[in-house]
Amino acid sequence: MDFKALFPMRPKGESVKDIDEALQLARNAGEAARASIGDIQARRAAVLLNGSEQEVASAEAALAAARADAERSDVLVPALEQKLAEAQRRERIAALVVQVAEANAKCAAAEKAIHARYEELAHALVRDVLQPENEAIRAREAAALAVDRLVQDLRLDEIPENLRVRKVPFGVQMPNTLFRNQLGDEIRLPSLKGTGFPNDHVAAIWPPHNGHRQGG
């Protein structure tokens, strides 16, 4: 290895790619040098016994050069391996910093959304769904009781159709969640997984009339 061959084994930069390319060059150069040493040593005895002065000098110079190349590779390879490990660690840390930043940003956005929208939506749910539902329950119970008192001596077929109070449950199918089979004072949100009850029964429970969340 002449010194011109040495310089490509120096990383062009500090990136994992640059260092890894230099490491592969150093390893390849070392393997080539050791192969050359083996070839020269296999022929060395014959050259020393039978070669001309020029042939002997050339073979000895080639052997010395190959040994020097192998020695440089032996020094470069572990140094580059350590440098590569450090660069990989830096890249992992940098990637982790990005991942943590993204997670924190999403947490901040979710927290903002919860504070900005949850109470509003919860109150809207109470106002538009839960309160009408409870009013319906109370009205049905009162109407059913009044009808019972009025028609307790009548047969079922004698009760006018317009005096028959609607039965519960109403049987409302909520999208992607459990089957709401009765009137009640709580609502389950659709599952995040979209599989519905009973496969996923952990959808958040929205609040009853006091506007505070219950369940998780």
C-alpha atoms as a PDB file:
ATOM      1  CA  MET A   1       0.000   0.000   0.000  1.00  0.00           C
ATOM      2  CA  ASP A   2       1.470   3.288  -1.000  1.00  0.00           C
ATOM      3  CA  PHE A   3       0.336   6.404   0.769  1.00  0.00           C
ATOM      4  CA  LYS A   4      -2.028   7.287  -2.080  1.00  0.00           C
ATOM      5  CA  ALA A   5      -3.935   4.092  -1.312  1.00  0.00           C
ATOM      6  CA  LEU A   6      -4.082   5.077   2.353  1.00  0.00           C
ATOM      7  CA  PHE A   7      -6.030   8.292   1.934  1.00  0.00           C
ATOM      8  CA  PRO A   8      -9.283   6.731   0.587  1.00  0.00           C
ATOM      9  CA  MET A   9      -9.396   4.770   3.841  1.00  0.00           C
ATOM     10  CA  ARG A  10      -9.822   7.996   5.707  1.00  0.00           C
ATOM     11  CA  PRO A  11     -13.542   8.782   6.093  1.00  0.00           C
ATOM     12  CA  LYS A  12     -14.757  11.616   3.882  1.00  0.00           C
ATOM     13  CA  GLY A  13     -17.032  12.782   6.650  1.00  0.00           C
ATOM     14  CA  GLU A  14     -18.377  11.895  10.061  1.00  0.00           C
ATOM     15  CA  SER A  15     -21.521  10.098   8.901  1.00  0.00           C
ATOM     16  CA  VAL A  16     -22.080   6.371   9.413  1.00  0.00           C
ATOM     17  CA  LYS A  17     -22.047   5.918   5.633  1.00  0.00           C
ATOM     18  CA  ASP A  18     -18.685   7.662   5.162  1.00  0.00           C
ATOM     19  CA  ILE A  19     -17.028   5.786   8.016  1.00  0.00           C
ATOM     20  CA  ASP A  20     -18.449   2.438   6.957  1.00  0.00           C
ATOM     21  CA  GLU A  21     -17.174   2.922   3.398  1.00  0.00           C
ATOM     22  CA  ALA A  22     -13.691   3.692   4.718  1.00  0.00           C
ATOM     23  CA  LEU A  23     -13.836   0.654   6.997  1.00  0.00           C
ATOM     24  CA  GLN A  24     -14.736  -1.649   4.116  1.00  0.00           C
ATOM     25  CA  LEU A  25     -11.826  -0.263   2.078  1.00  0.00           C
ATOM     26  CA  ALA A  26      -9.432  -0.853   4.985  1.00  0.00           C
ATOM     27  CA  ARG A  27     -10.675  -4.410   5.480  1.00  0.00           C
ATOM     28  CA  ASN A  28     -10.405  -5.175   1.770  1.00  0.00           C
ATOM     29  CA  ALA A  29      -6.892  -3.724   1.649  1.00  0.00           C
ATOM     30  CA  GLY A  30      -5.854  -5.858   4.611  1.00  0.00           C
ATOM     31  CA  GLU A  31      -7.241  -9.018   3.023  1.00  0.00           C
ATOM     32  CA  ALA A  32      -5.488  -8.220  -0.240  1.00  0.00           C
ATOM     33  CA  ALA A  33      -2.199  -7.547   1.569  1.00  0.00           C
ATOM     34  CA  ARG A  34      -2.369 -10.824   3.499  1.00  0.00           C
ATOM     35  CA  ALA A  35      -3.164 -12.722   0.313  1.00  0.00           C
ATOM     36  CA  SER A  36      -0.174 -11.072  -1.370  1.00  0.00           C
ATOM     37  CA  ILE A  37       2.074 -12.005   1.556  1.00  0.00           C
ATOM     38  CA  GLY A  38       0.987 -15.618   1.200  1.00  0.00           C
ATOM     39  CA  ASP A  39       1.715 -15.661  -2.522  1.00  0.00           C
ATOM     40  CA  ILE A  40       5.130 -14.044  -2.125  1.00  0.00           C
ATOM     41  CA  GLN A  41       6.131 -16.347   0.745  1.00  0.00           C
ATOM     42  CA  ALA A  42       5.066 -19.383  -1.276  1.00  0.00           C
ATOM     43  CA  ARG A  43       7.523 -18.344  -4.011  1.00  0.00           C
ATOM     44  CA  ARG A  44      10.154 -16.807  -1.780  1.00  0.00           C
ATOM     45  CA  ALA A  45      12.376 -19.855  -1.313  1.00  0.00           C
ATOM     46  CA  ALA A  46      12.544 -20.473  -5.043  1.00  0.00           C
ATOM     47  CA  VAL A  47      13.311 -16.812  -5.744  1.00  0.00           C
ATOM     48  CA  LEU A  48      15.986 -16.682  -3.065  1.00  0.00           C
ATOM     49  CA  LEU A  49      17.613 -19.868  -4.419  1.00  0.00           C
ATOM     50  CA  ASN A  50      17.289 -19.295  -8.129  1.00  0.00           C
ATOM     51  CA  GLY A  51      16.334 -15.703  -8.799  1.00  0.00           C
ATOM     52  CA  SER A  52      18.523 -12.973 -10.130  1.00  0.00           C
ATOM     53  CA  GLU A  53      19.625 -10.135  -7.949  1.00  0.00           C
ATOM     54  CA  GLN A  54      16.892  -7.966  -9.402  1.00  0.00           C
ATOM     55  CA  GLU A  55      14.245 -10.668  -8.904  1.00  0.00           C
ATOM     56  CA  VAL A  56      15.281 -11.197  -5.294  1.00  0.00           C
ATOM     57  CA  ALA A  57      15.267  -7.463  -4.596  1.00  0.00           C
ATOM     58  CA  SER A  58      11.870  -7.073  -6.249  1.00  0.00           C
ATOM     59  CA  ALA A  59      10.355  -9.978  -4.303  1.00  0.00           C
ATOM     60  CA  GLU A  60      11.743  -8.735  -0.994  1.00  0.00           C
ATOM     61  CA  ALA A  61      10.440  -5.233  -1.692  1.00  0.00           C
ATOM     62  CA  ALA A  62       7.034  -6.620  -2.582  1.00  0.00           C
ATOM     63  CA  LEU A  63       6.979  -8.683   0.625  1.00  0.00           C
ATOM     64  CA  ALA A  64       7.937  -5.671   2.727  1.00  0.00           C
ATOM     65  CA  ALA A  65       5.283  -3.541   1.044  1.00  0.00           C
ATOM     66  CA  ALA A  66       2.600  -6.198   1.568  1.00  0.00           C
ATOM     67  CA  ARG A  67       3.550  -6.532   5.234  1.00  0.00           C
ATOM     68  CA  ALA A  68       3.394  -2.757   5.642  1.00  0.00           C
ATOM     69  CA  ASP A  69      -0.020  -2.708   3.984  1.00  0.00           C
ATOM     70  CA  ALA A  70      -1.278  -5.466   6.288  1.00  0.00           C
ATOM     71  CA  GLU A  71       0.100  -3.666   9.326  1.00  0.00           C
ATOM     72  CA  ARG A  72      -1.602  -0.387   8.333  1.00  0.00           C
ATOM     73  CA  SER A  73      -4.856  -2.233   7.822  1.00  0.00           C
ATOM     74  CA  ASP A  74      -4.516  -3.870  11.239  1.00  0.00           C
ATOM     75  CA  VAL A  75      -4.196  -0.408  12.758  1.00  0.00           C
ATOM     76  CA  LEU A  76      -6.925   1.238  10.678  1.00  0.00           C
ATOM     77  CA  VAL A  77      -9.642  -1.401  10.979  1.00  0.00           C
ATOM     78  CA  PRO A  78     -10.138  -1.335  14.786  1.00  0.00           C
ATOM     79  CA  ALA A  79      -9.825   2.453  14.806  1.00  0.00           C
ATOM     80  CA  LEU A  80     -12.487   2.748  12.117  1.00  0.00           C
ATOM     81  CA  GLU A  81     -14.685   0.165  13.858  1.00  0.00           C
ATOM     82  CA  GLN A  82     -14.608   2.266  17.024  1.00  0.00           C
ATOM     83  CA  LYS A  83     -15.284   5.418  15.042  1.00  0.00           C
ATOM     84  CA  LEU A  84     -18.200   3.695  13.279  1.00  0.00           C
ATOM     85  CA  ALA A  85     -19.689   2.552  16.582  1.00  0.00           C
ATOM     86  CA  GLU A  86     -19.504   6.105  17.912  1.00  0.00           C
ATOM     87  CA  ALA A  87     -21.151   7.493  14.764  1.00  0.00           C
ATOM     88  CA  GLN A  88     -23.920   4.882  14.956  1.00  0.00           C
ATOM     89  CA  ARG A  89     -24.514   5.814  18.575  1.00  0.00           C
ATOM     90  CA  ARG A  90     -24.728   9.499  17.642  1.00  0.00           C
ATOM     91  CA  GLU A  91     -27.231   8.695  14.893  1.00  0.00           C
ATOM     92  CA  ARG A  92     -29.336   6.561  17.246  1.00  0.00           C
ATOM     93  CA  ILE A  93     -29.401   9.357  19.793  1.00  0.00           C
ATOM     94  CA  ALA A  94     -30.288  11.902  17.108  1.00  0.00           C
ATOM     95  CA  ALA A  95     -33.110   9.678  15.849  1.00  0.00           C
ATOM     96  CA  LEU A  96     -34.335   9.189  19.415  1.00  0.00           C
ATOM     97  CA  VAL A  97     -34.319  12.938  19.979  1.00  0.00           C
ATOM     98  CA  VAL A  98     -36.562  13.318  16.923  1.00  0.00           C
ATOM     99  CA  GLN A  99     -38.850  10.502  18.103  1.00  0.00           C
ATOM    100  CA  VAL A 100     -39.175  12.012  21.580  1.00  0.00           C
ATOM    101  CA  ALA A 101     -39.818  15.462  20.108  1.00  0.00           C
ATOM    102  CA  GLU A 102     -42.584  14.064  17.896  1.00  0.00           C
ATOM    103  CA  ALA A 103     -44.135  12.208  20.837  1.00  0.00           C
ATOM    104  CA  ASN A 104     -43.998  15.311  23.015  1.00  0.00           C
ATOM    105  CA  ALA A 105     -45.520  17.423  20.241  1.00  0.00           C
ATOM    106  CA  LYS A 106     -48.389  14.958  19.853  1.00  0.00           C
ATOM    107  CA  CYS A 107     -48.921  14.908  23.613  1.00  0.00           C
ATOM    108  CA  ALA A 108     -49.013  18.706  23.657  1.00  0.00           C
ATOM    109  CA  ALA A 109     -51.481  18.778  20.764  1.00  0.00           C
ATOM    110  CA  ALA A 110     -53.683  16.161  22.440  1.00  0.00           C
ATOM    111  CA  GLU A 111     -53.580  18.028  25.747  1.00  0.00           C
ATOM    112  CA  LYS A 112     -54.527  21.236  23.955  1.00  0.00           C
ATOM    113  CA  ALA A 113     -57.376  19.476  22.169  1.00  0.00           C
ATOM    114  CA  ILE A 114     -58.645  17.948  25.411  1.00  0.00           C
ATOM    115  CA  HIS A 115     -58.629  21.278  27.221  1.00  0.00           C
ATOM    116  CA  ALA A 116     -60.109  23.093  24.239  1.00  0.00           C
ATOM    117  CA  ARG A 117     -62.774  20.598  23.191  1.00  0.00           C
ATOM    118  CA  TYR A 118     -63.494  17.924  25.787  1.00  0.00           C
ATOM    119  CA  GLU A 119     -65.567  20.001  28.153  1.00  0.00           C
ATOM    120  CA  GLU A 120     -67.481  21.567  25.264  1.00  0.00           C
ATOM    121  CA  LEU A 121     -68.227  18.212  23.676  1.00  0.00           C
ATOM    122  CA  ALA A 122     -69.054  16.594  27.000  1.00  0.00           C
ATOM    123  CA  HIS A 123     -71.572  19.311  27.815  1.00  0.00           C
ATOM    124  CA  ALA A 124     -73.035  19.023  24.302  1.00  0.00           C
ATOM    125  CA  LEU A 125     -73.430  15.279  24.790  1.00  0.00           C
ATOM    126  CA  VAL A 126     -75.143  15.806  28.112  1.00  0.00           C
ATOM    127  CA  ARG A 127     -77.378  18.544  26.700  1.00  0.00           C
ATOM    128  CA  ASP A 128     -78.262  16.916  23.373  1.00  0.00           C
ATOM    129  CA  VAL A 129     -78.338  13.203  24.286  1.00  0.00           C
ATOM    130  CA  LEU A 130     -78.245  12.363  27.960  1.00  0.00           C
ATOM    131  CA  GLN A 131     -80.706  14.937  29.269  1.00  0.00           C
ATOM    132  CA  PRO A 132     -83.306  14.166  26.561  1.00  0.00           C
ATOM    133  CA  GLU A 133     -82.794  10.495  27.348  1.00  0.00           C
ATOM    134  CA  ASN A 134     -83.462  11.009  31.061  1.00  0.00           C
ATOM    135  CA  GLU A 135     -86.432  13.205  30.300  1.00  0.00           C
ATOM    136  CA  ALA A 136     -87.763  10.396  28.092  1.00  0.00           C
ATOM    137  CA  ILE A 137     -87.277   7.883  30.911  1.00  0.00           C
ATOM    138  CA  ARG A 138     -89.142  10.045  33.417  1.00  0.00           C
ATOM    139  CA  ALA A 139     -91.914  10.856  30.931  1.00  0.00           C
ATOM    140  CA  ARG A 140     -92.337   7.203  29.967  1.00  0.00           C
ATOM    141  CA  GLU A 141     -92.476   6.060  33.574  1.00  0.00           C
ATOM    142  CA  ALA A 142     -95.040   8.714  34.465  1.00  0.00           C
ATOM    143  CA  ALA A 143     -97.156   7.960  31.398  1.00  0.00           C
ATOM    144  CA  ALA A 144     -96.959   4.203  31.944  1.00  0.00           C
ATOM    145  CA  LEU A 145     -98.038   4.613  35.572  1.00  0.00           C
ATOM    146  CA  ALA A 146    -100.960   6.805  34.607  1.00  0.00           C
ATOM    147  CA  VAL A 147    -102.085   4.410  31.896  1.00  0.00           C
ATOM    148  CA  ASP A 148    -101.804   1.460  34.298  1.00  0.00           C
ATOM    149  CA  ARG A 149    -104.089   3.217  36.776  1.00  0.00           C
ATOM    150  CA  LEU A 150    -106.586   4.074  34.059  1.00  0.00           C
ATOM    151  CA  VAL A 151    -106.765   0.757  32.248  1.00  0.00           C
ATOM    152  CA  GLN A 152    -106.041  -1.747  34.973  1.00  0.00           C
ATOM    153  CA  ASP A 153    -109.490  -3.270  34.563  1.00  0.00           C
ATOM    154  CA  LEU A 154    -109.290  -3.469  30.752  1.00  0.00           C
ATOM    155  CA  ARG A 155    -108.008  -6.303  28.607  1.00  0.00           C
ATOM    156  CA  LEU A 156    -104.890  -5.647  26.551  1.00  0.00           C
ATOM    157  CA  ASP A 157    -106.859  -5.618  23.309  1.00  0.00           C
ATOM    158  CA  GLU A 158    -109.190  -3.009  24.750  1.00  0.00           C
ATOM    159  CA  ILE A 159    -106.425  -0.497  25.356  1.00  0.00           C
ATOM    160  CA  PRO A 160    -106.441   2.148  22.589  1.00  0.00           C
ATOM    161  CA  GLU A 161    -103.267   2.172  20.491  1.00  0.00           C
ATOM    162  CA  ASN A 162    -102.540   5.733  21.471  1.00  0.00           C
ATOM    163  CA  LEU A 163    -102.424   4.713  25.157  1.00  0.00           C
ATOM    164  CA  ARG A 164     -99.681   2.139  24.688  1.00  0.00           C
ATOM    165  CA  VAL A 165     -96.426   3.507  26.030  1.00  0.00           C
ATOM    166  CA  ARG A 166     -93.358   2.628  24.055  1.00  0.00           C
ATOM    167  CA  LYS A 167     -91.371  -0.199  25.576  1.00  0.00           C
ATOM    168  CA  VAL A 168     -87.758  -0.035  26.609  1.00  0.00           C
ATOM    169  CA  PRO A 169     -85.182  -0.791  25.406  1.00  0.00           C
ATOM    170  CA  PHE A 170     -85.201   1.497  22.391  1.00  0.00           C
ATOM    171  CA  GLY A 171     -82.406  -0.563  20.853  1.00  0.00           C
ATOM    172  CA  VAL A 172     -80.097   2.155  19.536  1.00  0.00           C
ATOM    173  CA  GLN A 173     -77.076   0.862  17.603  1.00  0.00           C
ATOM    174  CA  MET A 174     -74.010   3.024  18.217  1.00  0.00           C
ATOM    175  CA  PRO A 175     -71.441   2.928  15.358  1.00  0.00           C
ATOM    176  CA  ASN A 176     -68.384   0.777  16.065  1.00  0.00           C
ATOM    177  CA  THR A 177     -69.219   0.255  19.689  1.00  0.00           C
ATOM    178  CA  LEU A 178     -71.473  -1.722  21.966  1.00  0.00           C
ATOM    179  CA  PHE A 179     -75.186  -2.133  21.381  1.00  0.00           C
ATOM    180  CA  ARG A 180     -77.048   0.293  23.613  1.00  0.00           C
ATOM    181  CA  ASN A 181     -80.035  -1.823  24.445  1.00  0.00           C
ATOM    182  CA  GLN A 182     -81.710   0.501  26.899  1.00  0.00           C
ATOM    183  CA  LEU A 183     -82.135   4.084  27.915  1.00  0.00           C
ATOM    184  CA  GLY A 184     -79.544   5.114  30.436  1.00  0.00           C
ATOM    185  CA  ASP A 185     -77.393   7.962  31.747  1.00  0.00           C
ATOM    186  CA  GLU A 186     -74.068   7.198  30.080  1.00  0.00           C
ATOM    187  CA  ILE A 187     -72.750   6.832  26.549  1.00  0.00           C
ATOM    188  CA  ARG A 188     -69.764   4.868  25.269  1.00  0.00           C
ATOM    189  CA  LEU A 189     -67.664   6.426  22.570  1.00  0.00           C
ATOM    190  CA  PRO A 190     -66.882   4.397  19.444  1.00  0.00           C
ATOM    191  CA  SER A 191     -63.819   2.244  19.956  1.00  0.00           C
ATOM    192  CA  LEU A 192     -60.498   3.544  18.686  1.00  0.00           C
ATOM    193  CA  LYS A 193     -59.935   0.098  17.170  1.00  0.00           C
ATOM    194  CA  GLY A 194     -63.275   0.205  15.411  1.00  0.00           C
ATOM    195  CA  THR A 195     -64.022  -3.418  16.285  1.00  0.00           C
ATOM    196  CA  GLY A 196     -66.938  -2.741  18.572  1.00  0.00           C
ATOM    197  CA  PHE A 197     -68.292  -4.553  21.598  1.00  0.00           C
ATOM    198  CA  PRO A 198     -67.569  -7.201  22.805  1.00  0.00           C
ATOM    199  CA  ASN A 199     -64.248  -7.373  20.965  1.00  0.00           C
ATOM    200  CA  ASP A 200     -63.221  -4.010  22.334  1.00  0.00           C
ATOM    201  CA  HIS A 201     -65.095  -2.923  25.421  1.00  0.00           C
ATOM    202  CA  VAL A 202     -62.670  -0.257  26.631  1.00  0.00           C
ATOM    203  CA  ALA A 203     -64.055   2.729  24.723  1.00  0.00           C
ATOM    204  CA  ALA A 204     -64.113   5.778  26.945  1.00  0.00           C
ATOM    205  CA  ILE A 205     -67.281   6.453  28.925  1.00  0.00           C
ATOM    206  CA  TRP A 206     -68.496   9.993  28.494  1.00  0.00           C
ATOM    207  CA  PRO A 207     -69.872  11.797  31.495  1.00  0.00           C
ATOM    208  CA  PRO A 208     -73.392  11.667  32.874  1.00  0.00           C
ATOM    209  CA  HIS A 209     -75.198  14.868  33.701  1.00  0.00           C
ATOM    210  CA  ASN A 210     -72.564  16.405  35.956  1.00  0.00           C
ATOM    211  CA  GLY A 211     -70.217  16.832  32.975  1.00  0.00           C
ATOM    212  CA  HIS A 212     -67.302  14.948  34.526  1.00  0.00           C
ATOM    213  CA  ARG A 213     -65.678  12.005  32.798  1.00  0.00           C
ATOM    214  CA  GLN A 214     -66.176   8.601  34.334  1.00  0.00           C
ATOM    215  CA  GLY A 215     -64.131   5.543  33.359  1.00  0.00           C
ATOM    216  CA  GLY A 216     -61.158   5.414  31.024  1.00  0.00           C
END
